[in-house]
Amino acid sequence: NGAGKTTLFNCVSRLYTPSSGDLLFEGRSIIKSTPHHVAALG
């Protein structure tokens, strides 16, 4: 508990914006995407 698992989920689904770093989906950065945009991406 408290290890950061749900926080990571919230970053990938774009509910949170990470303080640094990047998120790549199929080789494409989604760090600036909105939650509804990543849903449309798959």
PDB file of all heavy atoms in Angstrom:
ATOM      1  N   ASN A   1       0.837  -1.202   0.000  1.00  0.00           N
ATOM      2  CA  ASN A   1       0.000   0.000   0.000  1.00  0.00           C
ATOM      3  C   ASN A   1       0.870   1.249   0.000  1.00  0.00           C
ATOM      4  O   ASN A   1       1.863   1.330   0.723  1.00  0.00           O
ATOM      5  CB  ASN A   1      -0.916   0.022   1.235  1.00  0.00           C
ATOM      6  CG  ASN A   1      -2.046  -0.977   1.140  1.00  0.00           C
ATOM      7  OD1 ASN A   1      -2.503  -1.304   0.058  1.00  0.00           O
ATOM      8  ND2 ASN A   1      -2.501  -1.468   2.286  1.00  0.00           N
ATOM      9  N   GLY A   2       0.490   2.224  -0.837  1.00  0.00           N
ATOM     10  CA  GLY A   2       1.267   3.457  -0.918  1.00  0.00           C
ATOM     11  C   GLY A   2       2.483   3.381  -1.808  1.00  0.00           C
ATOM     12  O   GLY A   2       3.280   4.324  -1.853  1.00  0.00           O
ATOM     13  N   ALA A   3       2.625   2.279  -2.564  1.00  0.00           N
ATOM     14  CA  ALA A   3       3.808   2.116  -3.411  1.00  0.00           C
ATOM     15  C   ALA A   3       3.765   2.998  -4.652  1.00  0.00           C
ATOM     16  O   ALA A   3       4.789   3.233  -5.292  1.00  0.00           O
ATOM     17  CB  ALA A   3       3.960   0.648  -3.823  1.00  0.00           C
ATOM     18  N   GLY A   4       2.565   3.480  -5.044  1.00  0.00           N
ATOM     19  CA  GLY A   4       2.451   4.341  -6.219  1.00  0.00           C
ATOM     20  C   GLY A   4       1.718   3.726  -7.388  1.00  0.00           C
ATOM     21  O   GLY A   4       1.696   4.288  -8.485  1.00  0.00           O
ATOM     22  N   LYS A   5       1.061   2.588  -7.175  1.00  0.00           N
ATOM     23  CA  LYS A   5       0.436   1.859  -8.279  1.00  0.00           C
ATOM     24  C   LYS A   5      -0.717   2.639  -8.903  1.00  0.00           C
ATOM     25  O   LYS A   5      -0.765   2.825 -10.126  1.00  0.00           O
ATOM     26  CB  LYS A   5      -0.055   0.486  -7.787  1.00  0.00           C
ATOM     27  CG  LYS A   5       1.018  -0.364  -7.139  1.00  0.00           C
ATOM     28  CD  LYS A   5       0.486  -1.709  -6.686  1.00  0.00           C
ATOM     29  CE  LYS A   5      -0.563  -1.606  -5.597  1.00  0.00           C
ATOM     30  NZ  LYS A   5      -0.045  -1.030  -4.331  1.00  0.00           N
ATOM     31  N   THR A   6      -1.661   3.104  -8.082  1.00  0.00           N
ATOM     32  CA  THR A   6      -2.800   3.849  -8.614  1.00  0.00           C
ATOM     33  C   THR A   6      -2.356   5.207  -9.151  1.00  0.00           C
ATOM     34  O   THR A   6      -2.915   5.703 -10.139  1.00  0.00           O
ATOM     35  CB  THR A   6      -3.886   4.010  -7.539  1.00  0.00           C
ATOM     36  OG1 THR A   6      -4.375   2.710  -7.165  1.00  0.00           O
ATOM     37  CG2 THR A   6      -5.054   4.836  -8.059  1.00  0.00           C
ATOM     38  N   THR A   7      -1.347   5.804  -8.545  1.00  0.00           N
ATOM     39  CA  THR A   7      -0.803   7.058  -9.076  1.00  0.00           C
ATOM     40  C   THR A   7      -0.274   6.846 -10.487  1.00  0.00           C
ATOM     41  O   THR A   7      -0.506   7.666 -11.381  1.00  0.00           O
ATOM     42  CB  THR A   7       0.328   7.584  -8.169  1.00  0.00           C
ATOM     43  OG1 THR A   7      -0.200   7.859  -6.873  1.00  0.00           O
ATOM     44  CG2 THR A   7       0.941   8.846  -8.737  1.00  0.00           C
ATOM     45  N   LEU A   8       0.398   5.718 -10.711  1.00  0.00           N
ATOM     46  CA  LEU A   8       0.896   5.422 -12.053  1.00  0.00           C
ATOM     47  C   LEU A   8      -0.265   5.253 -13.030  1.00  0.00           C
ATOM     48  O   LEU A   8      -0.220   5.763 -14.158  1.00  0.00           O
ATOM     49  CB  LEU A   8       1.770   4.162 -12.028  1.00  0.00           C
ATOM     50  CG  LEU A   8       2.543   3.860 -13.314  1.00  0.00           C
ATOM     51  CD1 LEU A   8       3.897   3.231 -12.985  1.00  0.00           C
ATOM     52  CD2 LEU A   8       1.765   2.923 -14.233  1.00  0.00           C
ATOM     53  N   PHE A   9      -1.316   4.555 -12.598  1.00  0.00           N
ATOM     54  CA  PHE A   9      -2.510   4.419 -13.440  1.00  0.00           C
ATOM     55  C   PHE A   9      -3.058   5.783 -13.816  1.00  0.00           C
ATOM     56  O   PHE A   9      -3.422   6.033 -14.970  1.00  0.00           O
ATOM     57  CB  PHE A   9      -3.587   3.631 -12.677  1.00  0.00           C
ATOM     58  CG  PHE A   9      -3.677   2.186 -13.060  1.00  0.00           C
ATOM     59  CD1 PHE A   9      -2.543   1.469 -13.391  1.00  0.00           C
ATOM     60  CD2 PHE A   9      -4.899   1.533 -13.078  1.00  0.00           C
ATOM     61  CE1 PHE A   9      -2.626   0.130 -13.738  1.00  0.00           C
ATOM     62  CE2 PHE A   9      -4.999   0.205 -13.425  1.00  0.00           C
ATOM     63  CZ  PHE A   9      -3.855  -0.498 -13.755  1.00  0.00           C
ATOM     64  N   ASN A  10      -3.147   6.665 -12.826  1.00  0.00           N
ATOM     65  CA  ASN A  10      -3.709   7.990 -13.084  1.00  0.00           C
ATOM     66  C   ASN A  10      -2.831   8.822 -14.005  1.00  0.00           C
ATOM     67  O   ASN A  10      -3.330   9.699 -14.717  1.00  0.00           O
ATOM     68  CB  ASN A  10      -3.941   8.722 -11.762  1.00  0.00           C
ATOM     69  CG  ASN A  10      -5.105   8.149 -10.978  1.00  0.00           C
ATOM     70  OD1 ASN A  10      -5.989   7.505 -11.538  1.00  0.00           O
ATOM     71  ND2 ASN A  10      -5.108   8.370  -9.671  1.00  0.00           N
ATOM     72  N   CYS A  11      -1.542   8.550 -14.018  1.00  0.00           N
ATOM     73  CA  CYS A  11      -0.653   9.223 -14.971  1.00  0.00           C
ATOM     74  C   CYS A  11      -0.883   8.696 -16.388  1.00  0.00           C
ATOM     75  O   CYS A  11      -1.009   9.475 -17.336  1.00  0.00           O
ATOM     76  CB  CYS A  11       0.810   9.030 -14.565  1.00  0.00           C
ATOM     77  SG  CYS A  11       1.328   9.963 -13.105  1.00  0.00           S
ATOM     78  N   VAL A  12      -0.944   7.372 -16.521  1.00  0.00           N
ATOM     79  CA  VAL A  12      -1.123   6.775 -17.850  1.00  0.00           C
ATOM     80  C   VAL A  12      -2.473   7.156 -18.448  1.00  0.00           C
ATOM     81  O   VAL A  12      -2.576   7.433 -19.650  1.00  0.00           O
ATOM     82  CB  VAL A  12      -0.974   5.239 -17.782  1.00  0.00           C
ATOM     83  CG1 VAL A  12      -1.261   4.607 -19.148  1.00  0.00           C
ATOM     84  CG2 VAL A  12       0.430   4.849 -17.325  1.00  0.00           C
ATOM     85  N   SER A  13      -3.513   7.197 -17.624  1.00  0.00           N
ATOM     86  CA  SER A  13      -4.843   7.569 -18.132  1.00  0.00           C
ATOM     87  C   SER A  13      -5.037   9.076 -18.178  1.00  0.00           C
ATOM     88  O   SER A  13      -6.108   9.547 -18.541  1.00  0.00           O
ATOM     89  CB  SER A  13      -5.940   6.915 -17.300  1.00  0.00           C
ATOM     90  OG  SER A  13      -5.843   7.281 -15.939  1.00  0.00           O
ATOM     91  N   ARG A  14      -4.007   9.824 -17.813  1.00  0.00           N
ATOM     92  CA  ARG A  14      -3.913  11.282 -17.945  1.00  0.00           C
ATOM     93  C   ARG A  14      -4.817  12.043 -16.993  1.00  0.00           C
ATOM     94  O   ARG A  14      -5.169  13.189 -17.247  1.00  0.00           O
ATOM     95  CB  ARG A  14      -4.153  11.715 -19.401  1.00  0.00           C
ATOM     96  CG  ARG A  14      -3.202  11.049 -20.415  1.00  0.00           C
ATOM     97  CD  ARG A  14      -1.695  11.204 -20.083  1.00  0.00           C
ATOM     98  NE  ARG A  14      -1.353  12.605 -19.978  1.00  0.00           N
ATOM     99  CZ  ARG A  14      -1.032  13.207 -18.833  1.00  0.00           C
ATOM    100  NH1 ARG A  14      -0.943  12.524 -17.707  1.00  0.00           N
ATOM    101  NH2 ARG A  14      -0.762  14.487 -18.822  1.00  0.00           N
ATOM    102  N   LEU A  15      -5.182  11.407 -15.869  1.00  0.00           N
ATOM    103  CA  LEU A  15      -5.842  12.142 -14.796  1.00  0.00           C
ATOM    104  C   LEU A  15      -4.823  12.988 -14.045  1.00  0.00           C
ATOM    105  O   LEU A  15      -5.156  14.031 -13.502  1.00  0.00           O
ATOM    106  CB  LEU A  15      -6.544  11.176 -13.842  1.00  0.00           C
ATOM    107  CG  LEU A  15      -7.695  10.358 -14.438  1.00  0.00           C
ATOM    108  CD1 LEU A  15      -8.259   9.402 -13.395  1.00  0.00           C
ATOM    109  CD2 LEU A  15      -8.794  11.274 -14.967  1.00  0.00           C
ATOM    110  N   TYR A  16      -3.565  12.505 -13.987  1.00  0.00           N
ATOM    111  CA  TYR A  16      -2.459  13.264 -13.419  1.00  0.00           C
ATOM    112  C   TYR A  16      -1.454  13.576 -14.516  1.00  0.00           C
ATOM    113  O   TYR A  16      -1.288  12.781 -15.454  1.00  0.00           O
ATOM    114  CB  TYR A  16      -1.721  12.466 -12.339  1.00  0.00           C
ATOM    115  CG  TYR A  16      -2.488  12.158 -11.086  1.00  0.00           C
ATOM    116  CD1 TYR A  16      -2.008  11.189 -10.198  1.00  0.00           C
ATOM    117  CD2 TYR A  16      -3.670  12.816 -10.753  1.00  0.00           C
ATOM    118  CE1 TYR A  16      -2.688  10.884  -9.027  1.00  0.00           C
ATOM    119  CE2 TYR A  16      -4.355  12.513  -9.587  1.00  0.00           C
ATOM    120  CZ  TYR A  16      -3.854  11.538  -8.729  1.00  0.00           C
ATOM    121  OH  TYR A  16      -4.532  11.235  -7.578  1.00  0.00           O
ATOM    122  N   THR A  17      -0.796  14.709 -14.398  1.00  0.00           N
ATOM    123  CA  THR A  17       0.325  15.037 -15.280  1.00  0.00           C
ATOM    124  C   THR A  17       1.615  14.896 -14.486  1.00  0.00           C
ATOM    125  O   THR A  17       1.802  15.592 -13.477  1.00  0.00           O
ATOM    126  CB  THR A  17       0.212  16.472 -15.821  1.00  0.00           C
ATOM    127  OG1 THR A  17      -0.973  16.568 -16.622  1.00  0.00           O
ATOM    128  CG2 THR A  17       1.421  16.827 -16.688  1.00  0.00           C
ATOM    129  N   PRO A  18       2.505  13.997 -14.876  1.00  0.00           N
ATOM    130  CA  PRO A  18       3.745  13.790 -14.130  1.00  0.00           C
ATOM    131  C   PRO A  18       4.577  15.066 -14.038  1.00  0.00           C
ATOM    132  O   PRO A  18       4.545  15.917 -14.933  1.00  0.00           O
ATOM    133  CB  PRO A  18       4.486  12.718 -14.939  1.00  0.00           C
ATOM    134  CG  PRO A  18       3.418  12.032 -15.718  1.00  0.00           C
ATOM    135  CD  PRO A  18       2.395  13.078 -16.024  1.00  0.00           C
ATOM    136  N   SER A  19       5.316  15.187 -12.945  1.00  0.00           N
ATOM    137  CA  SER A  19       6.180  16.347 -12.743  1.00  0.00           C
ATOM    138  C   SER A  19       7.326  16.367 -13.741  1.00  0.00           C
ATOM    139  O   SER A  19       7.830  17.432 -14.110  1.00  0.00           O
ATOM    140  CB  SER A  19       6.739  16.336 -11.316  1.00  0.00           C
ATOM    141  OG  SER A  19       5.704  16.153 -10.368  1.00  0.00           O
ATOM    142  N   SER A  20       7.760  15.189 -14.187  1.00  0.00           N
ATOM    143  CA  SER A  20       8.813  15.086 -15.208  1.00  0.00           C
ATOM    144  C   SER A  20       8.706  13.714 -15.850  1.00  0.00           C
ATOM    145  O   SER A  20       7.985  12.842 -15.376  1.00  0.00           O
ATOM    146  CB  SER A  20      10.201  15.297 -14.584  1.00  0.00           C
ATOM    147  OG  SER A  20      10.477  14.295 -13.626  1.00  0.00           O
ATOM    148  N   GLY A  21       9.448  13.543 -16.946  1.00  0.00           N
ATOM    149  CA  GLY A  21       9.422  12.262 -17.648  1.00  0.00           C
ATOM    150  C   GLY A  21       8.440  12.275 -18.810  1.00  0.00           C
ATOM    151  O   GLY A  21       7.883  13.318 -19.171  1.00  0.00           O
ATOM    152  N   ASP A  22       8.206  11.095 -19.388  1.00  0.00           N
ATOM    153  CA  ASP A  22       7.335  10.996 -20.554  1.00  0.00           C
ATOM    154  C   ASP A  22       6.573   9.683 -20.504  1.00  0.00           C
ATOM    155  O   ASP A  22       6.955   8.735 -19.804  1.00  0.00           O
ATOM    156  CB  ASP A  22       8.170  11.072 -21.842  1.00  0.00           C
ATOM    157  CG  ASP A  22       7.356  11.577 -23.032  1.00  0.00           C
ATOM    158  OD1 ASP A  22       6.123  11.724 -22.890  1.00  0.00           O
ATOM    159  OD2 ASP A  22       7.961  11.828 -24.089  1.00  0.00           O
ATOM    160  N   LEU A  23       5.486   9.634 -21.253  1.00  0.00           N
ATOM    161  CA  LEU A  23       4.666   8.438 -21.418  1.00  0.00           C
ATOM    162  C   LEU A  23       4.522   8.173 -22.905  1.00  0.00           C
ATOM    163  O   LEU A  23       4.048   9.042 -23.639  1.00  0.00           O
ATOM    164  CB  LEU A  23       3.281   8.651 -20.800  1.00  0.00           C
ATOM    165  CG  LEU A  23       3.209   8.765 -19.283  1.00  0.00           C
ATOM    166  CD1 LEU A  23       1.925   9.468 -18.864  1.00  0.00           C
ATOM    167  CD2 LEU A  23       3.270   7.392 -18.647  1.00  0.00           C
ATOM    168  N   LEU A  24       4.942   6.987 -23.340  1.00  0.00           N
ATOM    169  CA  LEU A  24       4.875   6.651 -24.755  1.00  0.00           C
ATOM    170  C   LEU A  24       3.863   5.536 -24.971  1.00  0.00           C
ATOM    171  O   LEU A  24       3.906   4.502 -24.297  1.00  0.00           O
ATOM    172  CB  LEU A  24       6.243   6.208 -25.278  1.00  0.00           C
ATOM    173  CG  LEU A  24       7.398   7.206 -25.124  1.00  0.00           C
ATOM    174  CD1 LEU A  24       8.680   6.612 -25.687  1.00  0.00           C
ATOM    175  CD2 LEU A  24       7.064   8.518 -25.819  1.00  0.00           C
ATOM    176  N   PHE A  25       2.956   5.754 -25.906  1.00  0.00           N
ATOM    177  CA  PHE A  25       1.975   4.748 -26.290  1.00  0.00           C
ATOM    178  C   PHE A  25       2.131   4.489 -27.780  1.00  0.00           C
ATOM    179  O   PHE A  25       1.960   5.400 -28.589  1.00  0.00           O
ATOM    180  CB  PHE A  25       0.551   5.232 -25.968  1.00  0.00           C
ATOM    181  CG  PHE A  25      -0.521   4.243 -26.311  1.00  0.00           C
ATOM    182  CD1 PHE A  25      -0.559   3.000 -25.706  1.00  0.00           C
ATOM    183  CD2 PHE A  25      -1.512   4.545 -27.233  1.00  0.00           C
ATOM    184  CE1 PHE A  25      -1.557   2.082 -25.994  1.00  0.00           C
ATOM    185  CE2 PHE A  25      -2.509   3.639 -27.544  1.00  0.00           C
ATOM    186  CZ  PHE A  25      -2.535   2.405 -26.927  1.00  0.00           C
ATOM    187  N   GLU A  26       2.499   3.247 -28.133  1.00  0.00           N
ATOM    188  CA  GLU A  26       2.806   2.895 -29.515  1.00  0.00           C
ATOM    189  C   GLU A  26       3.854   3.848 -30.103  1.00  0.00           C
ATOM    190  O   GLU A  26       3.756   4.275 -31.248  1.00  0.00           O
ATOM    191  CB  GLU A  26       1.534   2.877 -30.371  1.00  0.00           C
ATOM    192  CG  GLU A  26       0.537   1.818 -29.897  1.00  0.00           C
ATOM    193  CD  GLU A  26      -0.686   1.720 -30.793  1.00  0.00           C
ATOM    194  OE1 GLU A  26      -1.152   2.772 -31.294  1.00  0.00           O
ATOM    195  OE2 GLU A  26      -1.174   0.594 -31.006  1.00  0.00           O
ATOM    196  N   GLY A  27       4.848   4.199 -29.278  1.00  0.00           N
ATOM    197  CA  GLY A  27       5.949   5.043 -29.722  1.00  0.00           C
ATOM    198  C   GLY A  27       5.662   6.527 -29.758  1.00  0.00           C
ATOM    199  O   GLY A  27       6.529   7.324 -30.126  1.00  0.00           O
ATOM    200  N   ARG A  28       4.471   6.918 -29.333  1.00  0.00           N
ATOM    201  CA  ARG A  28       4.059   8.314 -29.425  1.00  0.00           C
ATOM    202  C   ARG A  28       3.814   8.885 -28.027  1.00  0.00           C
ATOM    203  O   ARG A  28       3.148   8.253 -27.195  1.00  0.00           O
ATOM    204  CB  ARG A  28       2.769   8.386 -30.255  1.00  0.00           C
ATOM    205  CG  ARG A  28       2.078   9.734 -30.298  1.00  0.00           C
ATOM    206  CD  ARG A  28       0.801   9.589 -31.106  1.00  0.00           C
ATOM    207  NE  ARG A  28      -0.018  10.792 -31.068  1.00  0.00           N
ATOM    208  CZ  ARG A  28      -1.221  10.883 -31.613  1.00  0.00           C
ATOM    209  NH1 ARG A  28      -1.747   9.838 -32.224  1.00  0.00           N
ATOM    210  NH2 ARG A  28      -1.903  12.008 -31.548  1.00  0.00           N
ATOM    211  N   SER A  29       4.339  10.078 -27.762  1.00  0.00           N
ATOM    212  CA  SER A  29       4.157  10.690 -26.455  1.00  0.00           C
ATOM    213  C   SER A  29       2.698  11.075 -26.245  1.00  0.00           C
ATOM    214  O   SER A  29       2.060  11.662 -27.119  1.00  0.00           O
ATOM    215  CB  SER A  29       5.035  11.939 -26.315  1.00  0.00           C
ATOM    216  OG  SER A  29       4.766  12.587 -25.088  1.00  0.00           O
ATOM    217  N   ILE A  30       2.177  10.731 -25.066  1.00  0.00           N
ATOM    218  CA  ILE A  30       0.808  11.126 -24.714  1.00  0.00           C
ATOM    219  C   ILE A  30       0.821  12.044 -23.496  1.00  0.00           C
ATOM    220  O   ILE A  30      -0.220  12.263 -22.882  1.00  0.00           O
ATOM    221  CB  ILE A  30      -0.082   9.888 -24.449  1.00  0.00           C
ATOM    222  CG1 ILE A  30       0.482   9.043 -23.291  1.00  0.00           C
ATOM    223  CG2 ILE A  30      -0.254   9.062 -25.715  1.00  0.00           C
ATOM    224  CD1 ILE A  30      -0.474   7.953 -22.816  1.00  0.00           C
ATOM    225  N   ILE A  31       1.974  12.575 -23.156  1.00  0.00           N
ATOM    226  CA  ILE A  31       2.118  13.356 -21.932  1.00  0.00           C
ATOM    227  C   ILE A  31       1.228  14.608 -21.934  1.00  0.00           C
ATOM    228  O   ILE A  31       0.805  15.083 -20.885  1.00  0.00           O
ATOM    229  CB  ILE A  31       3.600  13.736 -21.701  1.00  0.00           C
ATOM    230  CG1 ILE A  31       3.854  14.114 -20.230  1.00  0.00           C
ATOM    231  CG2 ILE A  31       4.041  14.850 -22.617  1.00  0.00           C
ATOM    232  CD1 ILE A  31       3.825  12.967 -19.296  1.00  0.00           C
ATOM    233  N   LYS A  32       0.904  15.135 -23.121  1.00  0.00           N
ATOM    234  CA  LYS A  32       0.071  16.332 -23.210  1.00  0.00           C
ATOM    235  C   LYS A  32      -1.375  16.002 -23.563  1.00  0.00           C
ATOM    236  O   LYS A  32      -2.190  16.902 -23.775  1.00  0.00           O
ATOM    237  CB  LYS A  32       0.656  17.305 -24.234  1.00  0.00           C
ATOM    238  CG  LYS A  32       2.022  17.863 -23.842  1.00  0.00           C
ATOM    239  CD  LYS A  32       2.542  18.857 -24.875  1.00  0.00           C
ATOM    240  CE  LYS A  32       3.904  19.413 -24.459  1.00  0.00           C
ATOM    241  NZ  LYS A  32       4.438  20.371 -25.463  1.00  0.00           N
ATOM    242  N   SER A  33      -1.695  14.726 -23.640  1.00  0.00           N
ATOM    243  CA  SER A  33      -3.044  14.316 -24.018  1.00  0.00           C
ATOM    244  C   SER A  33      -4.003  14.462 -22.846  1.00  0.00           C
ATOM    245  O   SER A  33      -3.623  14.366 -21.675  1.00  0.00           O
ATOM    246  CB  SER A  33      -3.047  12.864 -24.495  1.00  0.00           C
ATOM    247  OG  SER A  33      -2.250  12.705 -25.644  1.00  0.00           O
ATOM    248  N   THR A  34      -5.269  14.678 -23.149  1.00  0.00           N
ATOM    249  CA  THR A  34      -6.323  14.732 -22.141  1.00  0.00           C
ATOM    250  C   THR A  34      -6.889  13.326 -21.922  1.00  0.00           C
ATOM    251  O   THR A  34      -6.693  12.438 -22.760  1.00  0.00           O
ATOM    252  CB  THR A  34      -7.443  15.667 -22.608  1.00  0.00           C
ATOM    253  OG1 THR A  34      -7.958  15.168 -23.855  1.00  0.00           O
ATOM    254  CG2 THR A  34      -6.925  17.093 -22.805  1.00  0.00           C
ATOM    255  N   PRO A  35      -7.619  13.100 -20.815  1.00  0.00           N
ATOM    256  CA  PRO A  35      -8.192  11.767 -20.591  1.00  0.00           C
ATOM    257  C   PRO A  35      -9.083  11.285 -21.731  1.00  0.00           C
ATOM    258  O   PRO A  35      -9.012  10.125 -22.124  1.00  0.00           O
ATOM    259  CB  PRO A  35      -8.994  11.960 -19.288  1.00  0.00           C
ATOM    260  CG  PRO A  35      -8.260  13.037 -18.560  1.00  0.00           C
ATOM    261  CD  PRO A  35      -7.796  13.981 -19.643  1.00  0.00           C
ATOM    262  N   HIS A  36      -9.934  12.180 -22.294  1.00  0.00           N
ATOM    263  CA  HIS A  36     -10.808  11.718 -23.382  1.00  0.00           C
ATOM    264  C   HIS A  36     -10.011  11.438 -24.647  1.00  0.00           C
ATOM    265  O   HIS A  36     -10.398  10.596 -25.464  1.00  0.00           O
ATOM    266  CB  HIS A  36     -11.928  12.730 -23.647  1.00  0.00           C
ATOM    267  CG  HIS A  36     -11.501  13.994 -24.314  1.00  0.00           C
ATOM    268  ND1 HIS A  36     -11.088  15.105 -23.611  1.00  0.00           N
ATOM    269  CD2 HIS A  36     -11.415  14.335 -25.628  1.00  0.00           C
ATOM    270  CE1 HIS A  36     -10.783  16.074 -24.458  1.00  0.00           C
ATOM    271  NE2 HIS A  36     -10.967  15.638 -25.677  1.00  0.00           N
ATOM    272  N   HIS A  37      -8.868  12.111 -24.813  1.00  0.00           N
ATOM    273  CA  HIS A  37      -8.030  11.854 -25.988  1.00  0.00           C
ATOM    274  C   HIS A  37      -7.368  10.490 -25.897  1.00  0.00           C
ATOM    275  O   HIS A  37      -7.319   9.746 -26.878  1.00  0.00           O
ATOM    276  CB  HIS A  37      -6.977  12.958 -26.133  1.00  0.00           C
ATOM    277  CG  HIS A  37      -6.138  12.821 -27.370  1.00  0.00           C
ATOM    278  ND1 HIS A  37      -4.788  13.112 -27.396  1.00  0.00           N
ATOM    279  CD2 HIS A  37      -6.452  12.403 -28.627  1.00  0.00           C
ATOM    280  CE1 HIS A  37      -4.310  12.881 -28.610  1.00  0.00           C
ATOM    281  NE2 HIS A  37      -5.305  12.458 -29.372  1.00  0.00           N
ATOM    282  N   VAL A  38      -6.844  10.131 -24.710  1.00  0.00           N
ATOM    283  CA  VAL A  38      -6.191   8.819 -24.599  1.00  0.00           C
ATOM    284  C   VAL A  38      -7.213   7.696 -24.720  1.00  0.00           C
ATOM    285  O   VAL A  38      -6.895   6.615 -25.211  1.00  0.00           O
ATOM    286  CB  VAL A  38      -5.365   8.680 -23.303  1.00  0.00           C
ATOM    287  CG1 VAL A  38      -4.208   9.656 -23.280  1.00  0.00           C
ATOM    288  CG2 VAL A  38      -6.221   8.815 -22.062  1.00  0.00           C
ATOM    289  N   ALA A  39      -8.467   7.964 -24.296  1.00  0.00           N
ATOM    290  CA  ALA A  39      -9.516   6.962 -24.492  1.00  0.00           C
ATOM    291  C   ALA A  39      -9.747   6.726 -25.979  1.00  0.00           C
ATOM    292  O   ALA A  39      -9.903   5.583 -26.430  1.00  0.00           O
ATOM    293  CB  ALA A  39     -10.808   7.410 -23.815  1.00  0.00           C
ATOM    294  N   ALA A  40      -9.724   7.809 -26.767  1.00  0.00           N
ATOM    295  CA  ALA A  40      -9.902   7.679 -28.212  1.00  0.00           C
ATOM    296  C   ALA A  40      -8.699   6.994 -28.860  1.00  0.00           C
ATOM    297  O   ALA A  40      -8.841   6.308 -29.884  1.00  0.00           O
ATOM    298  CB  ALA A  40     -10.111   9.060 -28.827  1.00  0.00           C
ATOM    299  N   LEU A  41      -7.515   7.149 -28.271  1.00  0.00           N
ATOM    300  CA  LEU A  41      -6.316   6.483 -28.790  1.00  0.00           C
ATOM    301  C   LEU A  41      -6.347   4.982 -28.537  1.00  0.00           C
ATOM    302  O   LEU A  41      -5.658   4.219 -29.212  1.00  0.00           O
ATOM    303  CB  LEU A  41      -5.053   7.075 -28.155  1.00  0.00           C
ATOM    304  CG  LEU A  41      -4.652   8.482 -28.585  1.00  0.00           C
ATOM    305  CD1 LEU A  41      -3.432   8.940 -27.775  1.00  0.00           C
ATOM    306  CD2 LEU A  41      -4.332   8.528 -30.083  1.00  0.00           C
ATOM    307  N   GLY A  42      -7.129   4.551 -27.530  1.00  0.00           N
ATOM    308  CA  GLY A  42      -7.228   3.121 -27.250  1.00  0.00           C
ATOM    309  C   GLY A  42      -6.745   2.715 -25.876  1.00  0.00           C
ATOM    310  O   GLY A  42      -6.302   1.579 -25.687  1.00  0.00           O
TER     311      GLY A  42
END
